[in-house]
Each structure stands twice: as C-alpha cells, then as structure tokens.
Amino acid sequence: MAECLDALGEVNYIQSRFAEAELYYQQALEIRKAVLGADHPDLARTLNNLANLYIYLKRFDKAEEFYKRGLAIRKKALGKIHPEVADSMGNIGVLFHHQGKLKEAETYYLQALDIRIQAVGENHPDVADNYDILAQVYHGQLRYNEAAEFYEKSLKILENTMGKDHAELIMTIHNLASLYMTMGRHAEAEALHKRGLSICQKTWGMEHLRAYYSLEHLANFYLMSGRPGEAEPLYRLAVAILDKEGTQSSQLGQLLPNFGHTLTELKRLKEAEVYYKKALSLHGKSLGIESEVTQKTLKAYTQLLRQLGRFDEAVKVEKKF
C-alpha cells in the first residue's frame, strides 16, 4: 500500500499537483512507520520524496528536517559507510546548493564523496557524479583550479567505466569545457565542446531533442569567442529541434536571445527581430516582465530597434524596464 501511495505522490508531483502529492507521501510515511517501525530504512525513501517536494516549494526548513531524519534512519539501519547514506548526505548538499549556501553544500558533498568512495571504490559512476557536483560548487565559488581537477576526475572515471563515447559523458564534457573557457583555455574548451557534440551525433543523431544541448554549448562558445558565423548554423539547428518538439518553451526562451544576438552581430537585423520577439513572448508567459532574463532580453531588443532606426519604438520598450 505504501508503495502505491508513494507512486501516486510521484505522479501528482510530476503533474504539479503539489498538495495532493504531499498528502500521498505523508500517508505512505505513516503506513511505513506503523508497519515497519520508525527506524526502518524504507521510511527514508518517503522522507526524501517529501523533502524533494519541499525544495521545489521553497520550504527549505521542512526539506532540511526531512532529509536529516532520513539520514539519521539510514545511518542507524545501514551503518555510516553505505551508498544510501552517501545519497542522503548528497541530498542535504543539494538543499544548501539550491539556497546558494555553497560552503554548507561543499561540506555535505565532501562527506558524501568520502562515504561513496569507501562504500563502492573510486572507479564508480556514482563517485563521478559526486566529483561533478563538487566541481559545480567550486566553479560557483570561482575556485577554478579545484573545479577543473574535480571535473577532470569525474570525466576520467566515466571514461573508464562507460567508454569514451558514452552519452553519460556529455554533460561533464560541456561543464569542463565551459570552465576552460572561463579560465582562458579556449582551444581545450572548443575541442571538448566539439567532442560532446560528436558523441551526441553518434548516439542520437543531430535532429534528436537531446542534440540541442550540445549544439547550444558549442554555439555559445563561438558567440563568446567572437565567431558568430560559426555559431549561427548551430543555433538555427537547435531552435529547429526545439520548435519541432513543441514542449520545450523554457529551453527555447533561453536559446532565442543568443540566436538574436548572433544574427545582430551578423547584421541580419530584421531576422534578429523575429527571434527577439519570440523570446519575449515566451518569457512573458513563463517568467513575467520583471524577471532578470526578460529584462535582459528587452534591453537587447531595444538596442536592436535603435540600430534599425526605430527610435520611438525603442523608447516604448524602454519604459518596460
């Protein structure tokens, strides 16, 4: 019965019916507690489901309470050195990461990494995940050398365990490439972005939904490198993929302003206007006029209108930010 309630909670969570999801998860928790006892490790699973929900709802205090209850149960039932204990440590790290508390996140991520290595050995994909997420924290703290070290460790483990052309490598490859770009290691960054796109092409083909991720990364690299002519066909293909899919409005809203910027750099101003307008339409529906992303796109669109000599329209748009 508890399994069914957990599953119903998950279905309602996916459908954004959060009150119903919370109710099902709580019922599952009570049944598990009554049948199995308050210290059974199965309770930790439902506690984590509730905590995940509370993170999404930004009820961070409740999420922390439930994650820590789950951690205590797993330590008592499974011992301190166990993959599920590492999972709980990592979950608390994610909670602090979401709140921008990077130092606290680092503490829990490092504990999760240490436990994971002791439990399964260093050459394991889950250890690679721990290295990758720590690298993201270090990147956010501008600790670039440490971030590079951990991304490189993550990538090496994934290559050893899955092969050099496995799709699981793609995200880490692009993360490391973006870091190299920040560090001024442009040639290495380009090579990695191209490698990610090549793996994507071999795995799914260039018109698959998942291809847009690698296309966007390489296109962003070219745009930031002052090479809009090379960025343009990549952005165009990525936009076509998302347009065809028809359900990826948030990704498309993120992609379109960069495509508009690229076309502006290429002096194709009328075409750039089309994509800026489309981006603003998507932003208005999903983010609202006050969001930072919308305001940034409005500013870029205003600059475009001035380049087109449409100053009165530019002034009207400026009043929106």
C-alpha atoms as a PDB file:
ATOM      1  CA  MET A   1       0.000   0.000   0.000  1.00  0.00           C
ATOM      2  CA  ALA A   2       2.778   2.436   0.906  1.00  0.00           C
ATOM      3  CA  GLU A   3       4.470   1.724  -2.446  1.00  0.00           C
ATOM      4  CA  CYS A   4       1.257   2.655  -4.265  1.00  0.00           C
ATOM      5  CA  LEU A   5       0.890   5.858  -2.254  1.00  0.00           C
ATOM      6  CA  ASP A   6       4.491   6.816  -2.976  1.00  0.00           C
ATOM      7  CA  ALA A   7       3.831   6.208  -6.673  1.00  0.00           C
ATOM      8  CA  LEU A   8       0.666   8.336  -6.558  1.00  0.00           C
ATOM      9  CA  GLY A   9       2.661  11.059  -4.835  1.00  0.00           C
ATOM     10  CA  GLU A  10       5.232  10.935  -7.624  1.00  0.00           C
ATOM     11  CA  VAL A  11       2.553  11.123 -10.336  1.00  0.00           C
ATOM     12  CA  ASN A  12       0.933  14.157  -8.703  1.00  0.00           C
ATOM     13  CA  TYR A  13       4.331  15.796  -8.190  1.00  0.00           C
ATOM     14  CA  ILE A  14       5.148  15.419 -11.887  1.00  0.00           C
ATOM     15  CA  GLN A  15       1.738  16.910 -12.727  1.00  0.00           C
ATOM     16  CA  SER A  16       2.417  19.889 -10.399  1.00  0.00           C
ATOM     17  CA  ARG A  17      -0.424  18.876  -8.090  1.00  0.00           C
ATOM     18  CA  PHE A  18       1.699  19.518  -5.043  1.00  0.00           C
ATOM     19  CA  ALA A  19      -0.925  19.460  -2.286  1.00  0.00           C
ATOM     20  CA  GLU A  20      -2.107  16.040  -3.446  1.00  0.00           C
ATOM     21  CA  ALA A  21       1.489  14.807  -3.761  1.00  0.00           C
ATOM     22  CA  GLU A  22       2.257  15.897  -0.201  1.00  0.00           C
ATOM     23  CA  LEU A  23      -0.842  14.133   1.105  1.00  0.00           C
ATOM     24  CA  TYR A  24       0.022  10.828  -0.610  1.00  0.00           C
ATOM     25  CA  TYR A  25       3.633  10.964   0.577  1.00  0.00           C
ATOM     26  CA  GLN A  26       2.524  11.657   4.159  1.00  0.00           C
ATOM     27  CA  GLN A  27       0.073   8.746   4.054  1.00  0.00           C
ATOM     28  CA  ALA A  28       2.825   6.469   2.731  1.00  0.00           C
ATOM     29  CA  LEU A  29       5.098   7.626   5.550  1.00  0.00           C
ATOM     30  CA  GLU A  30       2.519   6.881   8.234  1.00  0.00           C
ATOM     31  CA  ILE A  31       1.821   3.400   6.851  1.00  0.00           C
ATOM     32  CA  ARG A  32       5.531   2.550   6.644  1.00  0.00           C
ATOM     33  CA  LYS A  33       6.032   3.765  10.217  1.00  0.00           C
ATOM     34  CA  ALA A  34       3.093   1.708  11.521  1.00  0.00           C
ATOM     35  CA  VAL A  35       4.063  -1.485   9.666  1.00  0.00           C
ATOM     36  CA  LEU A  36       7.870  -1.356   9.721  1.00  0.00           C
ATOM     37  CA  GLY A  37       8.709   0.835  12.689  1.00  0.00           C
ATOM     38  CA  ALA A  38      10.120   4.350  12.901  1.00  0.00           C
ATOM     39  CA  ASP A  39      13.725   3.316  12.180  1.00  0.00           C
ATOM     40  CA  HIS A  40      13.250   1.187   9.056  1.00  0.00           C
ATOM     41  CA  PRO A  41      15.310   2.375   6.034  1.00  0.00           C
ATOM     42  CA  ASP A  42      12.240   2.306   3.764  1.00  0.00           C
ATOM     43  CA  LEU A  43      10.977   5.360   5.671  1.00  0.00           C
ATOM     44  CA  ALA A  44      13.984   7.317   4.427  1.00  0.00           C
ATOM     45  CA  ARG A  45      12.782   6.923   0.840  1.00  0.00           C
ATOM     46  CA  THR A  46       9.437   8.592   1.572  1.00  0.00           C
ATOM     47  CA  LEU A  47      11.095  11.240   3.736  1.00  0.00           C
ATOM     48  CA  ASN A  48      13.349  12.066   0.782  1.00  0.00           C
ATOM     49  CA  ASN A  49      10.347  12.277  -1.547  1.00  0.00           C
ATOM     50  CA  LEU A  50       8.723  14.782   0.803  1.00  0.00           C
ATOM     51  CA  ALA A  51      11.962  16.742   1.133  1.00  0.00           C
ATOM     52  CA  ASN A  52      12.316  16.916  -2.669  1.00  0.00           C
ATOM     53  CA  LEU A  53       8.790  18.312  -2.840  1.00  0.00           C
ATOM     54  CA  TYR A  54       9.548  20.892  -0.159  1.00  0.00           C
ATOM     55  CA  ILE A  55      12.662  22.044  -2.039  1.00  0.00           C
ATOM     56  CA  TYR A  56      10.541  22.666  -5.123  1.00  0.00           C
ATOM     57  CA  LEU A  57       8.042  24.594  -2.993  1.00  0.00           C
ATOM     58  CA  LYS A  58      10.952  26.531  -1.395  1.00  0.00           C
ATOM     59  CA  ARG A  59      10.016  25.243   2.057  1.00  0.00           C
ATOM     60  CA  PHE A  60      13.670  24.752   2.815  1.00  0.00           C
ATOM     61  CA  ASP A  61      13.377  24.315   6.593  1.00  0.00           C
ATOM     62  CA  LYS A  62      10.964  21.411   6.128  1.00  0.00           C
ATOM     63  CA  ALA A  63      13.167  19.902   3.426  1.00  0.00           C
ATOM     64  CA  GLU A  64      16.195  20.043   5.724  1.00  0.00           C
ATOM     65  CA  GLU A  65      14.231  18.459   8.589  1.00  0.00           C
ATOM     66  CA  PHE A  66      13.061  15.547   6.431  1.00  0.00           C
ATOM     67  CA  TYR A  67      16.420  14.950   4.733  1.00  0.00           C
ATOM     68  CA  LYS A  68      18.146  14.845   8.123  1.00  0.00           C
ATOM     69  CA  ARG A  69      15.549  12.453   9.515  1.00  0.00           C
ATOM     70  CA  GLY A  70      16.177  10.194   6.532  1.00  0.00           C
ATOM     71  CA  LEU A  71      19.946  10.447   7.053  1.00  0.00           C
ATOM     72  CA  ALA A  72      19.651   9.502  10.733  1.00  0.00           C
ATOM     73  CA  ILE A  73      17.498   6.469   9.886  1.00  0.00           C
ATOM     74  CA  ARG A  74      19.925   5.253   7.215  1.00  0.00           C
ATOM     75  CA  LYS A  75      22.962   5.658   9.471  1.00  0.00           C
ATOM     76  CA  LYS A  76      21.284   3.676  12.238  1.00  0.00           C
ATOM     77  CA  ALA A  77      19.942   0.931   9.975  1.00  0.00           C
ATOM     78  CA  LEU A  78      22.718   0.606   7.401  1.00  0.00           C
ATOM     79  CA  GLY A  79      25.836   1.914   9.114  1.00  0.00           C
ATOM     80  CA  LYS A  80      27.800   5.071   8.407  1.00  0.00           C
ATOM     81  CA  ILE A  81      29.560   3.701   5.318  1.00  0.00           C
ATOM     82  CA  HIS A  82      26.811   2.829   2.852  1.00  0.00           C
ATOM     83  CA  PRO A  83      25.805   4.195  -0.591  1.00  0.00           C
ATOM     84  CA  GLU A  84      22.365   5.223   0.689  1.00  0.00           C
ATOM     85  CA  VAL A  85      23.979   7.229   3.487  1.00  0.00           C
ATOM     86  CA  ALA A  86      26.057   8.951   0.808  1.00  0.00           C
ATOM     87  CA  ASP A  87      22.810   9.628  -1.082  1.00  0.00           C
ATOM     88  CA  SER A  88      21.321  11.319   1.994  1.00  0.00           C
ATOM     89  CA  MET A  89      24.448  13.414   2.520  1.00  0.00           C
ATOM     90  CA  GLY A  90      24.312  14.444  -1.124  1.00  0.00           C
ATOM     91  CA  ASN A  91      20.631  15.367  -0.852  1.00  0.00           C
ATOM     92  CA  ILE A  92      21.375  17.752   2.018  1.00  0.00           C
ATOM     93  CA  GLY A  93      24.177  19.205  -0.092  1.00  0.00           C
ATOM     94  CA  VAL A  94      21.705  19.780  -2.919  1.00  0.00           C
ATOM     95  CA  LEU A  95      19.366  21.550  -0.498  1.00  0.00           C
ATOM     96  CA  PHE A  96      22.060  24.011   0.559  1.00  0.00           C
ATOM     97  CA  HIS A  97      23.214  24.365  -3.065  1.00  0.00           C
ATOM     98  CA  HIS A  98      19.683  25.427  -4.069  1.00  0.00           C
ATOM     99  CA  GLN A  99      19.788  28.105  -1.391  1.00  0.00           C
ATOM    100  CA  GLY A 100      23.151  29.426  -2.561  1.00  0.00           C
ATOM    101  CA  LYS A 101      24.826  28.234   0.657  1.00  0.00           C
ATOM    102  CA  LEU A 102      27.861  26.893  -1.141  1.00  0.00           C
ATOM    103  CA  LYS A 103      30.100  26.376   1.888  1.00  0.00           C
ATOM    104  CA  GLU A 104      27.478  24.231   3.626  1.00  0.00           C
ATOM    105  CA  ALA A 105      26.796  22.391   0.370  1.00  0.00           C
ATOM    106  CA  GLU A 106      30.509  21.680  -0.030  1.00  0.00           C
ATOM    107  CA  THR A 107      30.702  20.176   3.474  1.00  0.00           C
ATOM    108  CA  TYR A 108      27.938  17.665   2.785  1.00  0.00           C
ATOM    109  CA  TYR A 109      29.105  16.914  -0.755  1.00  0.00           C
ATOM    110  CA  LEU A 110      32.617  16.130   0.533  1.00  0.00           C
ATOM    111  CA  GLN A 111      31.204  13.791   3.182  1.00  0.00           C
ATOM    112  CA  ALA A 112      29.063  12.103   0.521  1.00  0.00           C
ATOM    113  CA  LEU A 113      32.131  11.679  -1.696  1.00  0.00           C
ATOM    114  CA  ASP A 114      34.215  10.182   1.113  1.00  0.00           C
ATOM    115  CA  ILE A 115      31.474   7.716   2.092  1.00  0.00           C
ATOM    116  CA  ARG A 116      30.838   6.780  -1.528  1.00  0.00           C
ATOM    117  CA  ILE A 117      34.494   6.021  -2.220  1.00  0.00           C
ATOM    118  CA  GLN A 118      34.710   3.861   0.908  1.00  0.00           C
ATOM    119  CA  ALA A 119      31.488   2.048   0.000  1.00  0.00           C
ATOM    120  CA  VAL A 120      31.961   1.357  -3.725  1.00  0.00           C
ATOM    121  CA  GLY A 121      35.542   2.333  -4.603  1.00  0.00           C
ATOM    122  CA  GLU A 122      36.715   5.365  -6.540  1.00  0.00           C
ATOM    123  CA  ASN A 123      36.250   3.937 -10.038  1.00  0.00           C
ATOM    124  CA  HIS A 124      32.434   4.059  -9.992  1.00  0.00           C
ATOM    125  CA  PRO A 125      29.955   6.271 -11.931  1.00  0.00           C
ATOM    126  CA  ASP A 126      28.294   7.448  -8.702  1.00  0.00           C
ATOM    127  CA  VAL A 127      31.658   8.730  -7.489  1.00  0.00           C
ATOM    128  CA  ALA A 128      31.979  10.580 -10.790  1.00  0.00           C
ATOM    129  CA  ASP A 129      28.642  12.270 -10.049  1.00  0.00           C
ATOM    130  CA  ASN A 130      29.945  13.355  -6.637  1.00  0.00           C
ATOM    131  CA  TYR A 131      33.067  14.853  -8.200  1.00  0.00           C
ATOM    132  CA  ASP A 132      30.981  16.618 -10.840  1.00  0.00           C
ATOM    133  CA  ILE A 133      28.627  18.303  -8.390  1.00  0.00           C
ATOM    134  CA  LEU A 134      31.530  19.408  -6.179  1.00  0.00           C
ATOM    135  CA  ALA A 135      33.162  20.886  -9.271  1.00  0.00           C
ATOM    136  CA  GLN A 136      29.980  22.897  -9.856  1.00  0.00           C
ATOM    137  CA  VAL A 137      30.227  24.283  -6.311  1.00  0.00           C
ATOM    138  CA  TYR A 138      33.882  25.237  -6.799  1.00  0.00           C
ATOM    139  CA  HIS A 139      33.036  26.830 -10.145  1.00  0.00           C
ATOM    140  CA  GLY A 140      30.362  28.908  -8.428  1.00  0.00           C
ATOM    141  CA  GLN A 141      32.911  29.966  -5.793  1.00  0.00           C
ATOM    142  CA  LEU A 142      35.413  30.966  -8.539  1.00  0.00           C
ATOM    143  CA  ARG A 143      37.766  28.221  -7.357  1.00  0.00           C
ATOM    144  CA  TYR A 144      38.570  27.328 -10.934  1.00  0.00           C
ATOM    145  CA  ASN A 145      41.608  25.085 -10.450  1.00  0.00           C
ATOM    146  CA  GLU A 146      39.767  22.897  -7.933  1.00  0.00           C
ATOM    147  CA  ALA A 147      36.724  22.802 -10.187  1.00  0.00           C
ATOM    148  CA  ALA A 148      38.850  21.715 -13.149  1.00  0.00           C
ATOM    149  CA  GLU A 149      40.521  18.994 -11.056  1.00  0.00           C
ATOM    150  CA  PHE A 150      37.172  17.533  -9.982  1.00  0.00           C
ATOM    151  CA  TYR A 151      35.555  17.750 -13.443  1.00  0.00           C
ATOM    152  CA  GLU A 152      38.623  16.003 -14.868  1.00  0.00           C
ATOM    153  CA  LYS A 153      38.395  13.259 -12.219  1.00  0.00           C
ATOM    154  CA  SER A 154      34.697  12.810 -12.969  1.00  0.00           C
ATOM    155  CA  LEU A 155      35.332  12.566 -16.693  1.00  0.00           C
ATOM    156  CA  LYS A 156      38.176  10.070 -16.230  1.00  0.00           C
ATOM    157  CA  ILE A 157      36.009   7.771 -14.099  1.00  0.00           C
ATOM    158  CA  LEU A 158      33.167   7.903 -16.633  1.00  0.00           C
ATOM    159  CA  GLU A 159      35.575   7.122 -19.478  1.00  0.00           C
ATOM    160  CA  ASN A 160      36.976   4.158 -17.534  1.00  0.00           C
ATOM    161  CA  THR A 161      33.597   2.732 -16.565  1.00  0.00           C
ATOM    162  CA  MET A 162      31.440   3.545 -19.589  1.00  0.00           C
ATOM    163  CA  GLY A 163      33.782   4.156 -22.508  1.00  0.00           C
ATOM    164  CA  LYS A 164      34.938   7.383 -24.136  1.00  0.00           C
ATOM    165  CA  ASP A 165      31.903   7.750 -26.410  1.00  0.00           C
ATOM    166  CA  HIS A 166      29.098   7.101 -23.919  1.00  0.00           C
ATOM    167  CA  ALA A 167      26.279   9.637 -23.701  1.00  0.00           C
ATOM    168  CA  GLU A 168      26.687   9.870 -19.905  1.00  0.00           C
ATOM    169  CA  LEU A 169      29.914  11.810 -20.522  1.00  0.00           C
ATOM    170  CA  ILE A 170      28.250  14.655 -22.415  1.00  0.00           C
ATOM    171  CA  MET A 171      27.192  16.877 -19.519  1.00  0.00           C
ATOM    172  CA  THR A 172      30.559  16.624 -17.744  1.00  0.00           C
ATOM    173  CA  ILE A 173      32.382  17.318 -21.017  1.00  0.00           C
ATOM    174  CA  HIS A 174      30.419  20.525 -21.574  1.00  0.00           C
ATOM    175  CA  ASN A 175      30.750  21.566 -17.933  1.00  0.00           C
ATOM    176  CA  LEU A 176      34.527  21.183 -18.131  1.00  0.00           C
ATOM    177  CA  ALA A 177      34.631  22.968 -21.491  1.00  0.00           C
ATOM    178  CA  SER A 178      32.672  25.934 -20.104  1.00  0.00           C
ATOM    179  CA  LEU A 179      35.087  26.113 -17.173  1.00  0.00           C
ATOM    180  CA  TYR A 180      38.090  26.034 -19.519  1.00  0.00           C
ATOM    181  CA  MET A 181      36.527  28.923 -21.449  1.00  0.00           C
ATOM    182  CA  THR A 182      36.273  30.911 -18.216  1.00  0.00           C
ATOM    183  CA  MET A 183      39.913  30.092 -17.445  1.00  0.00           C
ATOM    184  CA  GLY A 184      41.028  31.301 -20.882  1.00  0.00           C
ATOM    185  CA  ARG A 185      41.865  27.806 -22.120  1.00  0.00           C
ATOM    186  CA  HIS A 186      39.933  28.367 -25.333  1.00  0.00           C
ATOM    187  CA  ALA A 187      41.442  25.692 -27.565  1.00  0.00           C
ATOM    188  CA  GLU A 188      40.771  22.984 -24.978  1.00  0.00           C
ATOM    189  CA  ALA A 189      37.246  24.305 -24.459  1.00  0.00           C
ATOM    190  CA  GLU A 190      36.468  24.178 -28.178  1.00  0.00           C
ATOM    191  CA  ALA A 191      37.843  20.653 -28.501  1.00  0.00           C
ATOM    192  CA  LEU A 192      35.692  19.440 -25.616  1.00  0.00           C
ATOM    193  CA  HIS A 193      32.509  21.117 -26.876  1.00  0.00           C
ATOM    194  CA  LYS A 194      33.095  19.505 -30.280  1.00  0.00           C
ATOM    195  CA  ARG A 195      33.661  16.154 -28.597  1.00  0.00           C
ATOM    196  CA  GLY A 196      30.364  16.461 -26.722  1.00  0.00           C
ATOM    197  CA  LEU A 197      28.526  17.244 -29.944  1.00  0.00           C
ATOM    198  CA  SER A 198      30.237  14.335 -31.715  1.00  0.00           C
ATOM    199  CA  ILE A 199      29.128  11.881 -29.016  1.00  0.00           C
ATOM    200  CA  CYS A 200      25.619  13.273 -29.252  1.00  0.00           C
ATOM    201  CA  GLN A 201      25.594  12.824 -33.032  1.00  0.00           C
ATOM    202  CA  LYS A 202      26.831   9.225 -32.783  1.00  0.00           C
ATOM    203  CA  THR A 203      24.315   8.367 -30.062  1.00  0.00           C
ATOM    204  CA  TRP A 204      21.102  10.028 -31.240  1.00  0.00           C
ATOM    205  CA  GLY A 205      21.723  11.929 -34.477  1.00  0.00           C
ATOM    206  CA  MET A 206      21.727  15.686 -34.981  1.00  0.00           C
ATOM    207  CA  GLU A 207      17.953  16.139 -35.079  1.00  0.00           C
ATOM    208  CA  HIS A 208      17.154  14.458 -31.768  1.00  0.00           C
ATOM    209  CA  LEU A 209      15.845  16.578 -28.896  1.00  0.00           C
ATOM    210  CA  ARG A 210      18.918  15.832 -26.787  1.00  0.00           C
ATOM    211  CA  ALA A 211      21.170  17.239 -29.515  1.00  0.00           C
ATOM    212  CA  TYR A 212      20.087  20.804 -28.781  1.00  0.00           C
ATOM    213  CA  TYR A 213      22.090  20.770 -25.514  1.00  0.00           C
ATOM    214  CA  SER A 214      25.425  20.144 -27.248  1.00  0.00           C
ATOM    215  CA  LEU A 215      24.545  22.413 -30.169  1.00  0.00           C
ATOM    216  CA  GLU A 216      23.777  25.258 -27.773  1.00  0.00           C
ATOM    217  CA  HIS A 217      27.024  24.824 -25.844  1.00  0.00           C
ATOM    218  CA  LEU A 218      29.207  24.901 -28.947  1.00  0.00           C
ATOM    219  CA  ALA A 219      27.214  27.804 -30.401  1.00  0.00           C
ATOM    220  CA  ASN A 220      27.600  29.749 -27.135  1.00  0.00           C
ATOM    221  CA  PHE A 221      31.338  29.137 -27.271  1.00  0.00           C
ATOM    222  CA  TYR A 222      31.568  30.515 -30.809  1.00  0.00           C
ATOM    223  CA  LEU A 223      29.432  33.548 -29.937  1.00  0.00           C
ATOM    224  CA  MET A 224      31.543  34.374 -26.866  1.00  0.00           C
ATOM    225  CA  SER A 225      34.677  33.879 -28.969  1.00  0.00           C
ATOM    226  CA  GLY A 226      33.536  36.491 -31.499  1.00  0.00           C
ATOM    227  CA  ARG A 227      32.777  33.891 -34.175  1.00  0.00           C
ATOM    228  CA  PRO A 228      29.056  34.476 -34.887  1.00  0.00           C
ATOM    229  CA  GLY A 229      29.274  32.971 -38.367  1.00  0.00           C
ATOM    230  CA  GLU A 230      30.135  29.593 -36.858  1.00  0.00           C
ATOM    231  CA  ALA A 231      27.545  29.975 -34.091  1.00  0.00           C
ATOM    232  CA  GLU A 232      24.641  30.795 -36.456  1.00  0.00           C
ATOM    233  CA  PRO A 233      24.021  27.365 -38.085  1.00  0.00           C
ATOM    234  CA  LEU A 234      24.314  25.631 -34.706  1.00  0.00           C
ATOM    235  CA  TYR A 235      21.768  27.936 -33.071  1.00  0.00           C
ATOM    236  CA  ARG A 236      19.477  27.584 -36.082  1.00  0.00           C
ATOM    237  CA  LEU A 237      19.506  23.798 -35.854  1.00  0.00           C
ATOM    238  CA  ALA A 238      18.981  23.884 -32.067  1.00  0.00           C
ATOM    239  CA  VAL A 239      15.994  26.227 -32.479  1.00  0.00           C
ATOM    240  CA  ALA A 240      14.527  23.972 -35.183  1.00  0.00           C
ATOM    241  CA  ILE A 241      14.834  20.948 -32.881  1.00  0.00           C
ATOM    242  CA  LEU A 242      13.031  22.688 -30.015  1.00  0.00           C
ATOM    243  CA  ASP A 243      10.390  24.161 -32.341  1.00  0.00           C
ATOM    244  CA  LYS A 244       9.692  20.689 -33.712  1.00  0.00           C
ATOM    245  CA  GLU A 245       9.391  19.232 -30.206  1.00  0.00           C
ATOM    246  CA  GLY A 246       6.930  21.968 -29.246  1.00  0.00           C
ATOM    247  CA  THR A 247       7.083  21.385 -25.481  1.00  0.00           C
ATOM    248  CA  GLN A 248      10.454  22.881 -24.515  1.00  0.00           C
ATOM    249  CA  SER A 249       9.456  26.534 -24.075  1.00  0.00           C
ATOM    250  CA  SER A 250      11.885  27.264 -21.224  1.00  0.00           C
ATOM    251  CA  GLN A 251      14.863  25.947 -23.192  1.00  0.00           C
ATOM    252  CA  LEU A 252      13.708  27.780 -26.303  1.00  0.00           C
ATOM    253  CA  GLY A 253      13.278  31.001 -24.344  1.00  0.00           C
ATOM    254  CA  GLN A 254      16.881  30.694 -23.178  1.00  0.00           C
ATOM    255  CA  LEU A 255      18.200  29.895 -26.644  1.00  0.00           C
ATOM    256  CA  LEU A 256      16.424  32.534 -28.729  1.00  0.00           C
ATOM    257  CA  PRO A 257      18.064  35.699 -27.271  1.00  0.00           C
ATOM    258  CA  ASN A 258      21.510  34.288 -28.031  1.00  0.00           C
ATOM    259  CA  PHE A 259      20.387  33.458 -31.557  1.00  0.00           C
ATOM    260  CA  GLY A 260      19.038  37.004 -31.895  1.00  0.00           C
ATOM    261  CA  HIS A 261      22.375  38.373 -30.662  1.00  0.00           C
ATOM    262  CA  THR A 262      24.219  36.198 -33.186  1.00  0.00           C
ATOM    263  CA  LEU A 263      22.077  37.469 -36.065  1.00  0.00           C
ATOM    264  CA  THR A 264      22.593  41.043 -34.864  1.00  0.00           C
ATOM    265  CA  GLU A 265      26.365  40.518 -34.919  1.00  0.00           C
ATOM    266  CA  LEU A 266      25.987  39.270 -38.498  1.00  0.00           C
ATOM    267  CA  LYS A 267      23.999  42.449 -39.375  1.00  0.00           C
ATOM    268  CA  ARG A 268      20.867  40.426 -40.145  1.00  0.00           C
ATOM    269  CA  LEU A 269      18.775  42.785 -38.070  1.00  0.00           C
ATOM    270  CA  LYS A 270      15.258  42.074 -39.370  1.00  0.00           C
ATOM    271  CA  GLU A 271      15.730  38.361 -38.818  1.00  0.00           C
ATOM    272  CA  ALA A 272      17.145  39.020 -35.342  1.00  0.00           C
ATOM    273  CA  GLU A 273      13.984  40.965 -34.506  1.00  0.00           C
ATOM    274  CA  VAL A 274      11.815  37.930 -35.217  1.00  0.00           C
ATOM    275  CA  TYR A 275      13.706  35.816 -32.686  1.00  0.00           C
ATOM    276  CA  TYR A 276      13.863  38.522 -30.010  1.00  0.00           C
ATOM    277  CA  LYS A 277      10.074  38.941 -30.266  1.00  0.00           C
ATOM    278  CA  LYS A 278       9.553  35.209 -29.991  1.00  0.00           C
ATOM    279  CA  ALA A 279      11.840  35.092 -26.948  1.00  0.00           C
ATOM    280  CA  LEU A 280       9.944  37.918 -25.267  1.00  0.00           C
ATOM    281  CA  SER A 281       6.632  36.194 -25.920  1.00  0.00           C
ATOM    282  CA  LEU A 282       7.915  33.033 -24.236  1.00  0.00           C
ATOM    283  CA  HIS A 283       9.436  34.994 -21.340  1.00  0.00           C
ATOM    284  CA  GLY A 284       6.155  36.813 -20.769  1.00  0.00           C
ATOM    285  CA  LYS A 285       4.255  33.533 -20.443  1.00  0.00           C
ATOM    286  CA  SER A 286       6.739  31.676 -18.257  1.00  0.00           C
ATOM    287  CA  LEU A 287       8.822  34.257 -16.364  1.00  0.00           C
ATOM    288  CA  GLY A 288       6.966  37.566 -16.326  1.00  0.00           C
ATOM    289  CA  ILE A 289       8.105  41.074 -17.244  1.00  0.00           C
ATOM    290  CA  GLU A 290      10.058  41.623 -14.010  1.00  0.00           C
ATOM    291  CA  SER A 291      12.379  38.622 -14.336  1.00  0.00           C
ATOM    292  CA  GLU A 292      16.072  39.258 -14.910  1.00  0.00           C
ATOM    293  CA  VAL A 293      16.031  37.157 -18.080  1.00  0.00           C
ATOM    294  CA  THR A 294      13.108  39.109 -19.553  1.00  0.00           C
ATOM    295  CA  GLN A 295      14.701  42.457 -18.676  1.00  0.00           C
ATOM    296  CA  LYS A 296      17.980  41.436 -20.312  1.00  0.00           C
ATOM    297  CA  THR A 297      16.161  40.403 -23.497  1.00  0.00           C
ATOM    298  CA  LEU A 298      14.156  43.664 -23.525  1.00  0.00           C
ATOM    299  CA  LYS A 299      17.381  45.648 -23.300  1.00  0.00           C
ATOM    300  CA  ALA A 300      18.912  43.736 -26.212  1.00  0.00           C
ATOM    301  CA  TYR A 301      15.709  44.203 -28.248  1.00  0.00           C
ATOM    302  CA  THR A 302      15.777  47.960 -27.544  1.00  0.00           C
ATOM    303  CA  GLN A 303      19.344  48.184 -28.829  1.00  0.00           C
ATOM    304  CA  LEU A 304      18.276  46.328 -31.965  1.00  0.00           C
ATOM    305  CA  LEU A 305      15.389  48.749 -32.576  1.00  0.00           C
ATOM    306  CA  ARG A 306      17.813  51.663 -32.332  1.00  0.00           C
ATOM    307  CA  GLN A 307      20.103  50.013 -34.880  1.00  0.00           C
ATOM    308  CA  LEU A 308      17.060  49.727 -37.154  1.00  0.00           C
ATOM    309  CA  GLY A 309      16.382  53.455 -36.691  1.00  0.00           C
ATOM    310  CA  ARG A 310      13.051  52.840 -34.936  1.00  0.00           C
ATOM    311  CA  PHE A 311      13.723  55.158 -32.015  1.00  0.00           C
ATOM    312  CA  ASP A 312      10.103  55.771 -30.967  1.00  0.00           C
ATOM    313  CA  GLU A 313       9.526  52.024 -30.604  1.00  0.00           C
ATOM    314  CA  ALA A 314      12.747  51.710 -28.640  1.00  0.00           C
ATOM    315  CA  VAL A 315      11.577  54.360 -26.177  1.00  0.00           C
ATOM    316  CA  LYS A 316       8.274  52.499 -25.666  1.00  0.00           C
ATOM    317  CA  VAL A 317      10.105  49.252 -24.958  1.00  0.00           C
ATOM    318  CA  GLU A 318      12.482  51.033 -22.566  1.00  0.00           C
ATOM    319  CA  LYS A 319       9.529  52.025 -20.386  1.00  0.00           C
ATOM    320  CA  LYS A 320       9.065  48.332 -19.589  1.00  0.00           C
ATOM    321  CA  PHE A 321      12.345  48.150 -17.674  1.00  0.00           C
END
